[in-house]
Amino acid sequence: MTPSTLKSFRAQAGLTQQQAASLFGVSLRCWKYWEAGERPIPAIAERLWQVLTLHGSGRNRVIDAALTVPVKSCR
């Protein structure tokens, strides 16, 4: 996944960078690095977007559950 694709997916989902970072369990700084192409985007990021797209009716439940997961640093 490219940084521009990640940014586009986030925008299409109507999420802020902070919301997307929380959803993925990473810091805002990490998310910004991904969108800027300054850090590699993990393959799991693309898979998560696929799950959110395929299970649109459960999207809010997935997001709400993910927001309770502790944030990890970007590597």
Protein backbone atom coordinates (compact mmCIF):
# COMPACT_ATOMS: atom_id res chain seq x y z
CA MET A 1 0.00 0.00 0.00
CA THR A 2 1.32 3.42 -0.89
CA PRO A 3 1.10 6.46 1.39
CA SER A 4 -1.33 8.16 -1.01
CA THR A 5 -3.57 5.07 -1.03
CA LEU A 6 -3.57 4.97 2.77
CA LYS A 7 -4.48 8.66 2.92
CA SER A 8 -7.22 8.15 0.34
CA PHE A 9 -8.71 5.19 2.23
CA ARG A 10 -8.68 7.21 5.45
CA ALA A 11 -10.40 10.16 3.78
CA GLN A 12 -13.02 7.90 2.16
CA ALA A 13 -13.74 6.38 5.57
CA GLY A 14 -14.32 9.87 6.97
CA LEU A 15 -11.64 9.47 9.63
CA THR A 16 -9.20 12.05 10.92
CA GLN A 17 -5.55 11.07 11.21
CA GLN A 18 -6.02 10.76 14.98
CA GLN A 19 -9.04 8.48 14.58
CA ALA A 20 -7.24 6.30 12.05
CA ALA A 21 -4.16 6.09 14.28
CA SER A 22 -6.32 5.03 17.22
CA LEU A 23 -8.11 2.48 15.05
CA PHE A 24 -4.78 0.92 14.07
CA GLY A 25 -3.37 1.15 17.59
CA VAL A 26 -0.49 3.45 16.68
CA SER A 27 0.47 6.97 17.64
CA LEU A 28 -0.62 9.98 15.62
CA ARG A 29 3.04 10.58 14.80
CA CYS A 30 3.32 7.05 13.39
CA TRP A 31 0.24 7.53 11.26
CA LYS A 32 1.62 10.79 9.90
CA TYR A 33 4.91 9.04 9.08
CA TRP A 34 2.98 6.41 7.10
CA GLU A 35 0.99 8.98 5.14
CA ALA A 36 4.15 10.99 4.43
CA GLY A 37 6.03 7.90 3.28
CA GLU A 38 8.62 8.32 6.05
CA ARG A 39 7.98 4.85 7.52
CA PRO A 40 6.91 1.63 5.82
CA ILE A 41 3.21 0.83 6.10
CA PRO A 42 2.69 -2.66 7.55
CA ALA A 43 0.85 -5.15 5.35
CA ILE A 44 -1.71 -5.58 8.12
CA ALA A 45 -2.86 -2.00 7.47
CA GLU A 46 -4.13 -2.95 4.02
CA ARG A 47 -5.81 -6.06 5.39
CA LEU A 48 -7.61 -4.06 8.05
CA TRP A 49 -8.97 -1.66 5.43
CA GLN A 50 -10.23 -4.67 3.48
CA VAL A 51 -12.04 -5.96 6.56
CA LEU A 52 -13.62 -2.58 7.20
CA THR A 53 -14.76 -2.39 3.58
CA LEU A 54 -16.11 -5.93 3.42
CA HIS A 55 -17.96 -5.65 6.71
CA GLY A 56 -19.44 -2.21 6.32
CA SER A 57 -22.41 -2.91 8.58
CA GLY A 58 -20.09 -3.81 11.45
CA ARG A 59 -17.66 -0.98 10.78
CA ASN A 60 -18.64 1.09 13.81
CA ARG A 61 -18.34 -1.89 16.15
CA VAL A 62 -14.85 -2.65 14.82
CA ILE A 63 -13.80 0.97 15.20
CA ASP A 64 -15.24 1.25 18.72
CA ALA A 65 -13.48 -1.95 19.80
CA ALA A 66 -10.19 -0.87 18.26
CA LEU A 67 -10.27 2.47 20.04
CA THR A 68 -9.93 0.66 23.38
CA VAL A 69 -6.60 -0.95 22.39
CA PRO A 70 -3.45 0.70 23.83
CA VAL A 71 -1.32 2.74 21.42
CA LYS A 72 2.04 1.32 20.34
CA SER A 73 5.05 3.26 19.11
CA CYS A 74 5.94 3.37 15.44
CA ARG A 75 8.82 1.24 14.24
